[in-house]
Protein backbone atom coordinates (compact mmCIF):
# COMPACT_ATOMS: atom_id res chain seq x y z
CA MET A 1 0.00 0.00 0.00
CA ASP A 2 1.13 3.57 -0.72
CA SER A 3 2.84 5.07 2.34
CA LEU A 4 0.82 8.30 2.03
CA VAL A 5 -2.44 6.33 2.13
CA GLU A 6 -1.10 4.43 5.15
CA ALA A 7 -0.39 7.73 6.89
CA ALA A 8 -3.94 8.91 6.15
CA ARG A 9 -5.33 5.65 7.55
CA THR A 10 -3.27 6.06 10.70
CA ALA A 11 -4.62 9.59 11.08
CA VAL A 12 -8.19 8.25 10.91
CA GLU A 13 -7.50 6.39 14.15
CA GLU A 14 -6.96 9.74 15.90
CA SER A 15 -10.17 11.36 14.67
CA PHE A 16 -12.71 12.73 17.13
CA ALA A 17 -16.09 12.12 15.53
CA PRO A 18 -18.65 11.44 18.27
CA TYR A 19 -21.51 13.08 16.34
CA SER A 20 -21.16 11.83 12.78
CA GLU A 21 -19.28 8.67 13.77
CA TYR A 22 -17.38 9.14 10.51
CA GLY A 23 -13.65 9.35 11.08
CA VAL A 24 -11.51 10.93 8.36
CA GLY A 25 -7.75 11.15 8.02
CA ALA A 26 -5.55 12.97 5.55
CA ALA A 27 -1.85 13.00 4.75
CA ILE A 28 -0.24 15.68 2.61
CA GLU A 29 3.23 15.45 1.09
CA THR A 30 5.26 18.64 0.80
CA ALA A 31 7.53 19.52 -2.11
CA ASP A 32 10.54 18.41 -0.06
CA GLY A 33 8.99 15.05 0.84
CA ALA A 34 7.79 15.75 4.39
CA VAL A 35 4.40 14.29 5.30
CA TYR A 36 1.86 15.98 7.55
CA THR A 37 -1.31 14.31 8.75
CA GLY A 38 -4.63 15.50 10.07
CA CYS A 39 -7.88 14.04 11.32
CA ASN A 40 -11.37 15.40 11.68
CA VAL A 41 -12.17 16.97 15.05
CA GLU A 42 -15.89 17.46 15.52
CA ASN A 43 -17.65 20.00 17.68
CA ALA A 44 -21.23 19.80 18.92
CA ASN A 45 -22.24 22.78 16.78
CA TYR A 46 -20.66 21.20 13.65
CA SER A 47 -19.63 24.56 12.12
CA ASN A 48 -16.60 24.69 14.42
CA SER A 49 -15.48 21.22 13.40
CA LEU A 50 -12.07 20.81 11.80
CA HIS A 51 -11.65 18.73 8.68
CA ALA A 52 -8.77 16.29 8.29
CA GLU A 53 -7.41 17.91 5.13
CA GLU A 54 -7.43 21.37 6.70
CA VAL A 55 -5.64 20.11 9.80
CA ALA A 56 -2.94 18.49 7.64
CA VAL A 57 -2.49 21.61 5.48
CA GLY A 58 -2.52 23.86 8.53
CA SER A 59 0.18 21.82 10.26
CA ALA A 60 2.38 21.93 7.16
CA VAL A 61 1.86 25.66 6.67
CA ALA A 62 2.62 26.31 10.35
CA ASP A 63 5.97 24.59 9.72
CA GLY A 64 6.68 26.89 6.76
CA HIS A 65 5.59 24.71 3.83
CA ARG A 66 3.70 26.27 0.93
CA GLU A 67 4.22 23.74 -1.87
CA PHE A 68 2.65 20.30 -1.99
CA GLU A 69 3.05 17.21 -4.18
CA ARG A 70 -0.08 15.18 -3.33
CA ILE A 71 -2.64 14.41 -0.66
CA ALA A 72 -4.26 11.15 0.44
CA VAL A 73 -7.63 10.93 2.17
CA SER A 74 -9.13 7.97 4.02
CA SER A 75 -12.14 7.30 6.22
CA ASP A 76 -12.92 4.59 8.69
CA ALA A 77 -15.47 3.33 6.14
CA ARG A 78 -12.76 3.09 3.41
CA ASP A 79 -15.35 4.39 0.96
CA GLY A 80 -13.25 6.53 -1.37
CA VAL A 81 -14.11 9.77 0.40
CA THR A 82 -12.95 12.92 -1.39
CA PRO A 83 -12.22 16.29 0.22
CA CYS A 84 -15.33 18.41 0.73
CA GLY A 85 -15.75 21.73 -1.10
CA MET A 86 -14.31 23.76 1.75
CA CYS A 87 -11.21 21.57 1.90
CA ARG A 88 -10.85 21.69 -1.88
CA GLN A 89 -10.84 25.49 -1.71
CA THR A 90 -8.18 25.34 1.03
CA LEU A 91 -6.04 23.04 -1.11
CA ILE A 92 -6.33 25.22 -4.22
CA GLU A 93 -4.92 28.14 -2.21
CA PHE A 94 -1.58 26.33 -2.12
CA CYS A 95 -1.74 23.81 -4.98
CA ASP A 96 -2.15 23.71 -8.72
CA ASP A 97 -5.08 22.07 -10.48
CA ASP A 98 -2.95 19.00 -11.17
CA LEU A 99 -2.37 18.10 -7.49
CA PRO A 100 -3.04 14.35 -7.15
CA VAL A 101 -5.79 13.59 -4.62
CA VAL A 102 -5.54 9.91 -3.66
CA CYS A 103 -8.77 8.51 -2.18
CA ASP A 104 -8.72 5.27 -0.18
CA GLU A 105 -11.26 2.72 -1.46
CA GLY A 106 -10.12 -0.01 0.95
CA ASP A 107 -8.49 -3.39 0.26
CA GLY A 108 -5.44 -1.62 -1.16
CA GLU A 109 -7.52 0.10 -3.85
CA THR A 110 -7.41 3.85 -4.46
CA THR A 111 -8.86 6.32 -6.89
CA THR A 112 -6.73 9.32 -7.85
CA TYR A 113 -8.19 12.60 -9.03
CA GLN A 114 -6.55 15.85 -9.96
CA LEU A 115 -7.64 18.71 -7.72
CA GLY A 116 -8.92 20.68 -10.70
CA GLU A 117 -11.30 17.83 -11.54
CA LEU A 118 -12.80 18.05 -8.07
CA ILE A 119 -13.12 21.83 -7.95
CA PRO A 120 -13.19 23.57 -11.32
CA ALA A 121 -13.36 27.37 -11.69
CA THR A 122 -12.21 28.08 -8.15
CA ILE A 123 -11.82 31.40 -6.44
CA THR A 124 -8.14 32.31 -6.50
CA GLN A 125 -5.98 35.26 -5.54
CA GLU A 126 -6.28 36.54 -9.10
CA HIS A 127 -10.03 37.02 -8.58
CA LEU A 128 -9.39 39.29 -5.62
CA GLU A 129 -6.94 41.59 -7.38
C-alpha cells in the first residue's frame, strides 16, 4: 500500500467524531517530501469542526511549507471519500489544479483525481486583485 495512504489511515485512528461517527484522516506530502497528517475533530455545533485535510495543510503551513506534491484521504469506512468543497478550496490556495488527490477505497484500492477535476473554476488570488 502507498505510504501516504497508510499515513492517512493512521490519522483516521486519531479522529474525534462522536456526532457523525465518521472518522476521516488525511496525509499531505510537501515539495521536499515531508508528510503531515490530520484528522477530523468534531464540535457539537458542527460549524466549528475541523476537517482532516485542513488540519494536515494547517500543520504543514505552520511549519513553513507552501508547496505540496499530493494528498491522500481515508475514512474509517474506506469508501473513497474525497475532500469536501471547503477543503478543496483550502487546497487550491496552495496547490495547482494537477495536485493528485488519492482517495482510499479499501483493500489496497485507491482512486486518484486531480484537484482541478474536483473543484473547477475556483476562487483564487487573481479574482481578488
